[in-house]
N, C-alpha and C. Protein backbone atom coordinates (compact mmCIF):
# COMPACT_ATOMS: atom_id res chain seq x y z
N MET A 1 0.81 -0.96 0.47
CA MET A 1 -0.02 0.49 -0.20
C MET A 1 1.44 1.25 -0.02
N SER A 2 0.10 2.35 -0.66
CA SER A 2 1.49 3.61 -0.83
C SER A 2 0.86 3.85 0.44
N THR A 3 1.67 5.02 0.98
CA THR A 3 1.63 6.04 2.07
C THR A 3 0.26 7.32 1.57
N PRO A 4 -0.88 6.81 2.05
CA PRO A 4 -2.20 7.75 2.38
C PRO A 4 -1.67 9.40 1.82
N PRO A 5 -2.27 9.90 1.12
CA PRO A 5 -2.17 11.28 1.15
C PRO A 5 -2.58 11.92 2.10
N THR A 6 -1.50 12.26 3.21
CA THR A 6 -1.34 13.04 4.05
C THR A 6 -1.66 14.59 3.77
N ASN A 7 -1.26 14.72 2.62
CA ASN A 7 -1.10 16.07 2.70
C ASN A 7 -2.87 16.95 1.46
N VAL A 8 -3.56 16.15 2.21
CA VAL A 8 -5.08 16.24 1.71
C VAL A 8 -6.47 17.22 2.64
N GLY A 9 -5.55 18.91 2.80
CA GLY A 9 -6.41 19.28 3.40
C GLY A 9 -6.11 18.52 5.24
N SER A 10 -5.24 18.21 5.69
CA SER A 10 -5.21 17.79 7.25
C SER A 10 -4.98 18.18 7.99
N PRO A 11 -6.10 18.18 8.94
CA PRO A 11 -6.45 19.30 10.00
C PRO A 11 -4.88 19.20 11.41
N SER A 12 -4.17 20.51 11.44
CA SER A 12 -3.23 20.61 12.72
C SER A 12 -3.19 20.10 13.26
N GLY A 13 -2.17 19.31 13.58
CA GLY A 13 -2.15 18.85 15.27
C GLY A 13 -1.93 17.11 15.11
N LEU A 14 -2.86 16.74 14.40
CA LEU A 14 -3.12 15.86 14.19
C LEU A 14 -2.00 14.60 12.79
N SER A 15 -2.51 13.30 12.85
CA SER A 15 -1.25 12.08 12.12
C SER A 15 -2.34 11.38 11.62
N LEU A 16 -2.34 11.25 10.96
CA LEU A 16 -2.57 9.68 10.04
C LEU A 16 -2.10 8.61 10.25
N ARG A 17 -2.35 7.21 10.67
CA ARG A 17 -2.16 5.88 10.79
C ARG A 17 -2.40 5.29 9.74
N PRO A 18 -1.91 4.52 9.35
CA PRO A 18 -2.28 3.85 7.85
C PRO A 18 -2.59 2.03 8.68
N LEU A 19 -3.24 1.04 8.10
CA LEU A 19 -3.80 -0.12 9.00
C LEU A 19 -1.89 -0.99 8.63
N PRO A 20 -1.06 -0.59 7.82
CA PRO A 20 0.44 -1.73 7.89
C PRO A 20 0.81 -0.98 9.05
N ASP A 21 0.70 0.51 9.66
CA ASP A 21 1.73 1.18 10.46
C ASP A 21 1.03 0.22 11.72
N MET A 22 -0.09 -0.40 12.04
CA MET A 22 -0.37 -0.28 13.16
C MET A 22 -0.13 -1.46 14.10
N ASP A 23 0.21 -1.81 15.02
CA ASP A 23 1.08 -3.02 16.18
C ASP A 23 -0.63 -3.00 16.54
N ARG A 24 -0.60 -4.62 16.79
CA ARG A 24 -1.83 -5.40 17.16
C ARG A 24 -2.33 -4.84 18.21
N GLY A 25 -1.76 -3.65 19.04
CA GLY A 25 -2.87 -3.12 20.24
C GLY A 25 -3.30 -1.37 19.67
N GLU A 26 -2.30 -0.96 18.62
CA GLU A 26 -2.99 -0.08 17.78
C GLU A 26 -4.18 -0.56 17.61
N ARG A 27 -4.72 -2.36 16.31
CA ARG A 27 -5.87 -2.22 15.84
C ARG A 27 -7.06 -2.59 17.05
N GLU A 28 -6.26 -3.04 18.36
CA GLU A 28 -7.13 -3.21 18.90
C GLU A 28 -7.96 -2.22 19.86
N ALA A 29 -7.17 -1.08 19.76
CA ALA A 29 -7.16 0.27 20.57
C ALA A 29 -8.38 0.60 19.11
N ALA A 30 -8.22 0.72 17.97
CA ALA A 30 -9.40 1.42 16.71
C ALA A 30 -10.44 0.77 16.71
N ARG A 31 -10.93 -0.82 17.06
CA ARG A 31 -11.48 -1.29 17.13
C ARG A 31 -12.12 -1.26 18.31
N ARG A 32 -12.14 -0.67 19.56
CA ARG A 32 -12.40 -0.02 20.71
C ARG A 32 -12.99 0.89 20.31
N PHE A 33 -12.18 2.67 19.92
CA PHE A 33 -12.83 3.19 19.47
C PHE A 33 -14.28 3.14 18.63
N CYS A 34 -14.67 2.58 17.26
CA CYS A 34 -15.26 2.88 16.64
C CYS A 34 -16.39 1.70 17.54
N LEU A 35 -16.60 1.02 17.81
CA LEU A 35 -17.50 0.36 18.76
C LEU A 35 -18.25 1.21 19.77
N GLY A 36 -17.24 2.19 20.48
CA GLY A 36 -17.70 2.89 21.32
C GLY A 36 -18.50 4.09 20.87
N VAL A 37 -18.17 4.49 19.54
CA VAL A 37 -18.51 5.22 18.96
C VAL A 37 -20.60 4.92 18.38
N ILE A 38 -20.37 3.74 18.29
CA ILE A 38 -21.08 2.63 17.49
C ILE A 38 -22.83 3.08 18.95
N GLU A 39 -21.68 2.79 19.68
CA GLU A 39 -22.42 2.57 21.15
C GLU A 39 -23.03 3.75 21.20
N GLU A 40 -22.65 5.10 21.59
CA GLU A 40 -22.59 6.38 21.93
C GLU A 40 -23.54 7.07 20.86
N PHE A 41 -23.15 6.91 19.58
CA PHE A 41 -23.65 7.20 19.20
C PHE A 41 -25.12 7.06 18.44
N TYR A 42 -24.76 5.64 18.31
CA TYR A 42 -26.18 4.78 17.65
C TYR A 42 -27.31 3.94 18.82
N GLY A 43 -26.52 3.30 19.96
CA GLY A 43 -27.21 2.61 20.99
C GLY A 43 -27.14 1.06 20.52
N ILE A 44 -25.94 1.27 19.42
CA ILE A 44 -26.39 -0.05 19.30
C ILE A 44 -24.92 -0.75 20.06
N ALA A 45 -25.24 -1.98 20.59
CA ALA A 45 -24.09 -2.51 20.96
C ALA A 45 -23.21 -3.81 19.95
N TYR A 46 -22.62 -4.06 20.87
CA TYR A 46 -21.47 -5.45 19.42
C TYR A 46 -22.44 -6.19 19.25
N ARG A 47 -22.38 -6.39 17.80
CA ARG A 47 -23.21 -7.53 16.94
C ARG A 47 -22.08 -8.27 16.21
N ALA A 48 -21.77 -9.55 16.59
CA ALA A 48 -20.43 -10.67 15.81
C ALA A 48 -21.28 -9.78 14.23
N ASP A 49 -22.27 -10.34 14.08
CA ASP A 49 -22.82 -10.00 12.22
C ASP A 49 -22.65 -8.61 12.11
N TRP A 50 -22.69 -7.87 12.82
CA TRP A 50 -23.10 -6.48 11.91
C TRP A 50 -21.32 -5.76 12.13
N HIS A 51 -20.08 -6.11 13.07
CA HIS A 51 -19.65 -5.67 13.43
C HIS A 51 -17.78 -6.21 13.06
N ALA A 52 -18.20 -7.70 11.43
CA ALA A 52 -17.30 -8.61 11.66
C ALA A 52 -16.36 -7.76 10.65
N ASP A 53 -16.18 -6.72 10.34
CA ASP A 53 -15.09 -5.55 9.53
C ASP A 53 -14.16 -5.07 10.27
N LEU A 54 -15.30 -4.78 11.77
CA LEU A 54 -14.12 -4.67 12.99
C LEU A 54 -13.27 -5.46 13.47
N ASP A 55 -13.94 -6.66 13.79
CA ASP A 55 -13.29 -8.22 14.23
C ASP A 55 -12.18 -8.34 13.26
N SER A 56 -12.58 -7.78 12.35
CA SER A 56 -11.39 -8.63 11.04
C SER A 56 -9.73 -7.74 11.23
N LEU A 57 -9.86 -6.68 11.67
CA LEU A 57 -8.79 -5.68 12.38
C LEU A 57 -7.82 -6.75 13.29
N LEU A 58 -8.54 -7.43 13.72
CA LEU A 58 -7.26 -7.93 14.76
C LEU A 58 -7.00 -9.50 13.97
N LYS A 59 -6.85 -9.57 12.65
CA LYS A 59 -6.69 -10.68 11.98
C LYS A 59 -5.85 -10.46 11.47
N ASP A 60 -4.87 -11.79 10.53
CA ASP A 60 -3.95 -11.25 9.98
C ASP A 60 -4.06 -10.94 8.20
N ASN A 61 -3.71 -10.89 7.64
CA ASN A 61 -3.92 -10.35 6.34
C ASN A 61 -4.85 -10.85 5.44
N PRO A 62 -4.78 -12.15 5.44
CA PRO A 62 -5.78 -13.13 4.62
C PRO A 62 -7.00 -13.22 5.22
N ARG A 63 -7.34 -12.30 6.25
CA ARG A 63 -8.37 -12.48 7.22
C ARG A 63 -8.98 -11.06 6.98
N CYS A 64 -8.30 -10.38 6.84
CA CYS A 64 -8.66 -9.04 7.40
C CYS A 64 -8.53 -8.29 6.30
N TRP A 65 -10.26 -7.54 6.29
CA TRP A 65 -11.10 -7.07 4.95
C TRP A 65 -10.33 -5.88 4.49
N PHE A 66 -10.06 -4.80 5.43
CA PHE A 66 -8.93 -3.36 5.26
C PHE A 66 -7.45 -4.02 5.04
N ALA A 67 -6.93 -5.51 4.62
CA ALA A 67 -5.83 -5.70 4.09
C ALA A 67 -5.39 -5.17 2.46
N ALA A 68 -4.55 -4.47 2.48
CA ALA A 68 -4.29 -4.36 1.08
C ALA A 68 -3.97 -5.29 0.32
N PRO A 69 -4.08 -6.73 -0.05
CA PRO A 69 -4.17 -7.53 -0.83
C PRO A 69 -5.58 -7.90 -1.01
N HIS A 70 -6.36 -7.81 -0.81
CA HIS A 70 -7.97 -7.42 -0.79
C HIS A 70 -8.35 -6.24 -1.16
N ARG A 71 -8.21 -5.00 -1.89
CA ARG A 71 -8.27 -4.11 -2.11
C ARG A 71 -8.69 -2.96 -0.88
N GLY A 72 -8.31 -3.00 0.32
CA GLY A 72 -8.92 -2.04 1.08
C GLY A 72 -8.12 -1.53 1.80
N ALA A 73 -8.70 -0.86 2.62
CA ALA A 73 -7.13 0.33 3.87
C ALA A 73 -8.12 0.53 4.93
N TYR A 74 -7.51 1.35 5.60
CA TYR A 74 -7.89 1.88 6.97
C TYR A 74 -6.79 2.95 7.38
N TRP A 75 -7.61 3.66 8.13
CA TRP A 75 -6.18 4.72 8.93
C TRP A 75 -7.51 5.22 10.64
N THR A 76 -6.15 5.50 11.56
CA THR A 76 -7.07 5.95 12.49
C THR A 76 -6.19 6.96 12.33
N VAL A 77 -7.09 8.18 12.70
CA VAL A 77 -6.00 9.92 12.88
C VAL A 77 -5.99 9.37 14.87
N VAL A 78 -4.40 9.94 14.75
CA VAL A 78 -4.68 10.99 15.96
C VAL A 78 -4.08 11.82 16.61
N ASN A 79 -3.94 12.15 17.81
CA ASN A 79 -3.74 13.75 17.83
C ASN A 79 -2.42 13.66 18.82
N GLY A 80 -1.62 14.59 19.07
CA GLY A 80 -0.47 14.68 19.59
C GLY A 80 -0.18 13.49 20.83
N ALA A 81 -1.17 13.46 21.64
CA ALA A 81 -1.25 12.87 22.82
C ALA A 81 -0.82 10.80 22.70
N GLY A 82 -1.37 10.48 21.08
CA GLY A 82 -1.32 9.48 20.64
C GLY A 82 -3.41 9.23 20.81
N GLU A 83 -3.60 9.58 21.47
CA GLU A 83 -4.98 9.43 21.23
C GLU A 83 -5.79 8.90 19.84
N ILE A 84 -6.94 8.48 19.99
CA ILE A 84 -7.88 8.04 18.47
C ILE A 84 -9.03 9.17 18.25
N VAL A 85 -8.78 9.75 17.96
CA VAL A 85 -10.19 11.17 17.51
C VAL A 85 -11.17 10.62 15.91
N ALA A 86 -9.93 9.82 15.28
CA ALA A 86 -11.29 9.30 13.86
C ALA A 86 -10.93 8.26 13.41
N THR A 87 -11.29 7.69 12.46
CA THR A 87 -11.30 6.46 11.98
C THR A 87 -11.87 6.61 10.77
N ALA A 88 -11.20 5.59 9.50
CA ALA A 88 -12.18 5.54 8.13
C ALA A 88 -11.31 4.41 8.04
N GLY A 89 -12.41 3.35 7.22
CA GLY A 89 -11.99 2.38 5.90
C GLY A 89 -12.50 2.08 4.93
N ILE A 90 -12.29 1.34 4.07
CA ILE A 90 -12.61 1.25 2.91
C ILE A 90 -12.34 -0.59 2.55
N TYR A 91 -13.53 -1.38 1.70
CA TYR A 91 -12.98 -2.69 1.62
C TYR A 91 -14.26 -2.77 0.54
N ARG A 92 -14.13 -4.29 0.13
CA ARG A 92 -14.90 -4.33 -1.20
C ARG A 92 -16.14 -4.61 -0.43
N LEU A 93 -17.36 -4.04 -1.28
CA LEU A 93 -18.30 -4.80 -1.64
C LEU A 93 -18.73 -6.17 -0.81
N ASP A 94 -18.56 -6.95 -1.66
CA ASP A 94 -18.41 -8.28 -1.57
C ASP A 94 -18.49 -9.15 -0.40
N TRP A 95 -17.71 -8.25 1.01
CA TRP A 95 -17.37 -9.00 2.48
C TRP A 95 -18.81 -8.64 2.55
N LYS A 96 -19.61 -7.91 2.01
CA LYS A 96 -20.98 -8.10 2.56
C LYS A 96 -22.22 -8.28 1.95
N PRO A 97 -22.67 -10.19 1.77
CA PRO A 97 -23.47 -10.31 0.99
C PRO A 97 -25.05 -10.10 0.88
N ASN A 98 -25.10 -9.72 2.18
CA ASN A 98 -26.40 -9.10 2.01
C ASN A 98 -26.46 -7.91 1.37
N LEU A 99 -25.61 -7.51 1.29
CA LEU A 99 -26.05 -5.42 0.86
C LEU A 99 -25.12 -5.66 -0.94
N SER A 100 -24.59 -6.83 -1.36
CA SER A 100 -23.91 -7.33 -2.66
C SER A 100 -25.20 -7.55 -2.95
N ALA A 101 -25.77 -8.53 -2.55
CA ALA A 101 -27.28 -9.27 -3.47
C ALA A 101 -28.59 -8.25 -3.08
N ALA A 102 -28.38 -7.46 -2.35
CA ALA A 102 -29.61 -6.64 -2.31
C ALA A 102 -29.56 -5.79 -3.46
N PHE A 103 -27.79 -5.50 -4.19
CA PHE A 103 -27.97 -4.35 -4.72
C PHE A 103 -27.02 -4.75 -6.21
N ALA A 104 -27.62 -5.92 -6.55
CA ALA A 104 -27.11 -6.86 -7.14
C ALA A 104 -27.31 -6.66 -8.98
N ASP A 105 -28.26 -6.01 -8.87
CA ASP A 105 -28.70 -5.30 -10.26
C ASP A 105 -27.86 -3.97 -10.41
N ARG A 106 -27.82 -3.04 -9.37
CA ARG A 106 -27.22 -1.73 -9.47
C ARG A 106 -25.26 -2.39 -9.82
N TYR A 107 -25.25 -3.02 -8.47
CA TYR A 107 -23.76 -3.51 -8.27
C TYR A 107 -23.26 -4.60 -9.26
N PRO A 108 -23.47 -4.83 -10.33
CA PRO A 108 -23.01 -6.60 -10.47
C PRO A 108 -21.78 -7.52 -10.36
N GLN A 109 -20.86 -6.76 -10.39
CA GLN A 109 -19.33 -7.02 -9.59
C GLN A 109 -19.22 -5.90 -8.28
N PRO A 110 -19.90 -6.92 -7.47
CA PRO A 110 -19.58 -5.88 -5.65
C PRO A 110 -18.09 -6.26 -5.65
N GLN A 111 -16.95 -6.84 -5.91
CA GLN A 111 -15.96 -6.88 -6.14
C GLN A 111 -15.28 -5.43 -6.62
N ASP A 112 -15.88 -5.08 -7.42
CA ASP A 112 -15.20 -3.84 -8.08
C ASP A 112 -15.87 -2.55 -7.40
N ILE A 113 -16.86 -3.07 -6.11
CA ILE A 113 -17.14 -1.55 -5.55
C ILE A 113 -16.54 -1.41 -4.54
N ALA A 114 -16.07 -0.10 -3.81
CA ALA A 114 -14.75 0.04 -2.27
C ALA A 114 -16.37 0.67 -1.67
N GLN A 115 -16.40 -0.46 -0.81
CA GLN A 115 -17.02 0.73 0.80
C GLN A 115 -16.50 1.09 1.73
N LEU A 116 -17.33 2.51 1.56
CA LEU A 116 -16.62 3.37 2.87
C LEU A 116 -17.51 3.36 4.29
N VAL A 117 -16.46 3.11 5.12
CA VAL A 117 -16.82 2.38 6.20
C VAL A 117 -16.23 3.20 7.41
N ARG A 118 -16.91 3.42 8.33
CA ARG A 118 -15.94 3.71 9.67
C ARG A 118 -15.60 4.93 9.86
N VAL A 119 -16.44 5.65 9.21
CA VAL A 119 -15.69 7.22 9.41
C VAL A 119 -16.40 7.63 10.65
N TYR A 120 -15.90 7.74 11.60
CA TYR A 120 -16.30 8.14 12.72
C TYR A 120 -15.27 9.30 13.31
N VAL A 121 -15.76 10.58 13.75
CA VAL A 121 -14.77 11.35 14.83
C VAL A 121 -15.22 11.59 15.70
N ARG A 122 -14.42 11.72 17.06
CA ARG A 122 -14.94 11.81 17.88
C ARG A 122 -15.17 13.28 18.30
N GLN A 123 -16.56 13.04 19.02
CA GLN A 123 -17.47 14.43 19.38
C GLN A 123 -16.84 15.19 19.77
N ASP A 124 -15.80 15.72 20.91
CA ASP A 124 -15.83 17.07 20.97
C ASP A 124 -14.22 17.34 19.72
N GLN A 125 -13.90 16.40 18.25
CA GLN A 125 -13.51 16.93 17.60
C GLN A 125 -14.00 17.90 16.33
N ARG A 126 -15.14 17.08 16.10
CA ARG A 126 -16.08 17.25 14.97
C ARG A 126 -15.63 18.79 14.68
N GLY A 127 -16.27 19.27 14.17
CA GLY A 127 -15.91 20.66 13.24
C GLY A 127 -14.83 21.30 12.79
N ARG A 128 -14.14 20.24 12.68
CA ARG A 128 -12.18 20.86 12.67
C ARG A 128 -12.23 19.96 10.91
N GLY A 129 -12.67 19.41 10.35
CA GLY A 129 -12.63 18.99 8.60
C GLY A 129 -12.09 17.84 9.08
N ILE A 130 -12.09 16.79 9.84
CA ILE A 130 -11.31 15.33 9.96
C ILE A 130 -12.46 14.81 8.87
N GLY A 131 -13.90 14.36 8.90
CA GLY A 131 -13.98 13.91 8.03
C GLY A 131 -13.98 14.61 6.98
N ARG A 132 -14.17 15.02 6.52
CA ARG A 132 -14.33 16.01 4.91
C ARG A 132 -11.99 15.17 3.91
N TRP A 133 -11.28 15.51 5.54
CA TRP A 133 -9.83 15.12 5.33
C TRP A 133 -10.18 13.49 4.87
N LEU A 134 -10.80 12.76 5.81
CA LEU A 134 -10.08 11.43 6.09
C LEU A 134 -11.30 10.92 4.25
N ASN A 135 -12.63 11.67 4.36
CA ASN A 135 -13.27 11.49 2.79
C ASN A 135 -12.19 11.63 1.90
N ALA A 136 -11.37 12.96 1.75
CA ALA A 136 -10.17 13.00 0.51
C ALA A 136 -9.56 11.73 0.30
N VAL A 137 -8.77 11.50 1.56
CA VAL A 137 -8.30 10.03 1.42
C VAL A 137 -7.99 9.02 1.28
N ALA A 138 -9.51 8.56 1.62
CA ALA A 138 -10.35 7.70 1.27
C ALA A 138 -10.72 7.21 -0.32
N GLU A 139 -11.20 8.53 -1.03
CA GLU A 139 -10.92 8.73 -2.48
C GLU A 139 -9.88 8.28 -3.23
N VAL A 140 -8.97 8.97 -2.56
CA VAL A 140 -7.64 8.86 -3.18
C VAL A 140 -7.08 7.60 -2.88
N GLU A 141 -6.95 6.63 -2.33
CA GLU A 141 -6.50 5.89 -2.00
C GLU A 141 -7.75 5.11 -3.03
N ALA A 142 -9.18 4.60 -2.68
CA ALA A 142 -10.08 4.17 -3.58
C ALA A 142 -9.62 4.32 -4.96
N ARG A 143 -9.18 5.04 -5.93
CA ARG A 143 -9.04 5.45 -6.91
C ARG A 143 -7.12 4.69 -7.17
N ARG A 144 -6.82 4.65 -6.49
CA ARG A 144 -5.31 4.42 -6.35
C ARG A 144 -5.26 2.22 -6.72
N LEU A 145 -6.62 2.24 -5.64
CA LEU A 145 -7.21 0.36 -5.97
C LEU A 145 -7.77 0.38 -7.32
N ALA A 146 -7.90 1.12 -8.08
CA ALA A 146 -8.47 0.80 -8.86
C ALA A 146 -9.92 0.38 -9.25
N TYR A 147 -10.58 1.29 -8.05
CA TYR A 147 -11.60 1.36 -8.06
C TYR A 147 -12.89 2.57 -8.28
N ALA A 148 -14.08 2.58 -9.26
CA ALA A 148 -14.86 3.54 -9.73
C ALA A 148 -15.71 4.21 -9.35
N THR A 149 -16.02 2.69 -8.64
CA THR A 149 -17.52 3.90 -7.33
C THR A 149 -16.87 3.49 -5.52
N LEU A 150 -17.83 4.44 -5.14
CA LEU A 150 -17.60 3.99 -3.77
C LEU A 150 -19.11 4.12 -3.66
N TYR A 151 -19.13 3.04 -2.06
CA TYR A 151 -20.45 3.35 -2.46
C TYR A 151 -20.44 2.86 -0.16
N LEU A 152 -21.55 4.28 0.55
CA LEU A 152 -21.59 3.73 1.58
C LEU A 152 -23.05 4.23 2.17
N HIS A 153 -23.41 3.62 3.42
CA HIS A 153 -24.70 3.81 3.79
C HIS A 153 -24.52 4.98 5.24
N ALA A 154 -26.01 4.80 5.38
CA ALA A 154 -25.65 6.21 6.61
C ALA A 154 -27.02 5.65 7.37
N ASN A 155 -26.85 6.29 8.46
CA ASN A 155 -28.02 5.62 9.37
C ASN A 155 -29.59 7.30 8.96
N THR A 156 -30.59 6.91 9.09
CA THR A 156 -31.84 7.80 7.85
C THR A 156 -31.82 9.22 8.77
N ASP A 157 -32.40 8.62 10.03
CA ASP A 157 -32.33 9.65 11.37
C ASP A 157 -31.44 10.58 11.23
N THR A 158 -29.97 10.17 10.74
CA THR A 158 -29.18 11.40 11.68
C THR A 158 -28.88 13.05 10.43
N ALA A 159 -29.83 13.51 10.41
CA ALA A 159 -29.59 14.32 9.35
C ALA A 159 -28.43 15.16 8.97
N ARG A 160 -27.35 15.49 10.32
CA ARG A 160 -25.83 16.10 9.72
C ARG A 160 -25.33 15.34 8.98
N THR A 161 -25.39 14.06 9.10
CA THR A 161 -24.64 13.29 8.46
C THR A 161 -25.03 12.55 6.87
N ILE A 162 -26.04 12.35 6.67
CA ILE A 162 -26.97 12.31 5.73
C ILE A 162 -26.54 14.13 4.81
N ALA A 163 -26.78 14.86 5.51
CA ALA A 163 -25.75 16.47 4.94
C ALA A 163 -24.97 16.57 4.34
N PHE A 164 -23.43 15.68 5.46
CA PHE A 164 -21.96 15.76 4.98
C PHE A 164 -22.05 15.01 3.56
N TRP A 165 -22.54 13.66 3.95
CA TRP A 165 -22.05 13.11 2.19
C TRP A 165 -22.78 13.38 1.33
N ARG A 166 -23.75 14.01 1.75
CA ARG A 166 -24.13 14.93 -0.12
C ARG A 166 -23.00 15.85 -0.37
N SER A 167 -22.41 16.69 0.66
CA SER A 167 -21.99 17.72 0.72
C SER A 167 -21.05 17.64 -0.15
N ARG A 168 -20.18 16.29 0.41
CA ARG A 168 -19.43 15.08 -0.76
C ARG A 168 -19.46 14.53 -2.00
N GLY A 169 -20.42 14.53 -2.64
CA GLY A 169 -20.74 14.48 -3.68
C GLY A 169 -21.46 12.96 -4.17
N PHE A 170 -21.61 12.51 -3.06
CA PHE A 170 -22.39 11.05 -2.79
C PHE A 170 -24.45 11.09 -3.18
N GLU A 171 -24.59 10.34 -3.70
CA GLU A 171 -25.96 11.05 -4.04
C GLU A 171 -27.05 9.53 -3.40
N SER A 172 -27.90 9.64 -2.74
CA SER A 172 -28.57 8.55 -1.92
C SER A 172 -29.26 7.85 -4.08
N PHE A 173 -29.65 6.85 -3.75
CA PHE A 173 -30.08 5.95 -4.21
C PHE A 173 -31.45 5.03 -4.05
N ALA A 174 -30.87 4.59 -3.12
CA ALA A 174 -32.19 4.40 -1.76
C ALA A 174 -32.15 4.54 -0.10
N SER A 175 -33.22 4.23 -0.04
CA SER A 175 -33.74 4.04 2.20
C SER A 175 -34.91 3.17 1.89
N ALA A 176 -34.62 2.49 3.18
CA ALA A 176 -35.15 1.37 3.75
C ALA A 176 -34.66 0.80 4.96
N GLU A 177 -35.70 0.79 5.92
CA GLU A 177 -35.28 -0.19 7.10
C GLU A 177 -34.35 1.29 7.86
N GLY A 178 -34.36 2.52 7.92
CA GLY A 178 -33.85 3.41 8.68
C GLY A 178 -32.06 3.42 8.09
N THR A 179 -32.19 2.99 6.70
CA THR A 179 -30.95 3.25 6.55
C THR A 179 -30.42 3.81 5.09
N THR A 180 -30.15 5.39 4.40
CA THR A 180 -29.88 5.21 3.14
C THR A 180 -28.67 5.44 2.66
N HIS A 181 -29.06 5.05 1.79
CA HIS A 181 -27.75 3.95 0.61
C HIS A 181 -27.31 5.46 -0.74
N PHE A 182 -25.62 5.62 -0.35
CA PHE A 182 -25.19 6.24 -1.40
C PHE A 182 -23.93 5.93 -2.06
N ASP A 183 -23.86 6.39 -3.06
CA ASP A 183 -22.54 6.23 -3.76
C ASP A 183 -22.34 7.06 -5.01
N LYS A 184 -20.18 7.44 -5.19
CA LYS A 184 -20.48 8.47 -6.44
C LYS A 184 -19.39 7.46 -6.82
N THR A 185 -19.34 8.31 -7.88
CA THR A 185 -18.60 7.86 -9.21
C THR A 185 -16.65 8.60 -9.21
N LEU A 186 -16.12 7.62 -8.66
CA LEU A 186 -15.02 8.24 -8.60
C LEU A 186 -14.26 8.71 -10.13
N THR A 187 -14.15 10.36 -9.94
CA THR A 187 -13.40 10.21 -11.61
C THR A 187 -12.33 10.09 -11.39
N PRO A 188 -11.51 9.61 -12.54
CA PRO A 188 -9.74 9.36 -12.72
C PRO A 188 -9.41 11.33 -12.44
N GLU A 189 -8.20 10.88 -11.11
CA GLU A 189 -7.63 11.75 -11.47
C GLU A 189 -7.03 12.94 -12.49
N GLY A 190 -7.08 13.73 -12.93
CA GLY A 190 -5.86 14.24 -13.69
C GLY A 190 -4.56 15.02 -14.01
């Protein structure tokens, strides 16, 4: 995996840590961070079927959804004290068979669709441009990994989140069971 594009509007005082540079302890901390945000923001406790991607962070490359050999990527953003303040990742849509099946007409080759996931920013760090930065980093990496489409979904009840993704150029194409589905065509950089 190449070095992530840290020059894409990085907020001051923060560092980007890509998955290959993380040791087991950092991966465990990233998993805990994400599960904590999910619990706090959505009120959802750990579920193996919903959080298998986070569990895969603790596995070796052949079983880690975010590993470069699988055309995946994962980042944490840390402050000067080494605390995680944000995360983001991408992996192939075919890691999620239910989503692949639900959108088979739209995405007949789900292994060629990148899913943007776990874009979480710690509450006290919101409004600093971290989400925009992580989105830009993920888009650059998805292009580098030869994806032409970036998919994501968000809770329909989170108006600010929905507005954020629309402001980043994502278009909603479906909404059901409290979830809004978005995608974005990734144009090659000139």
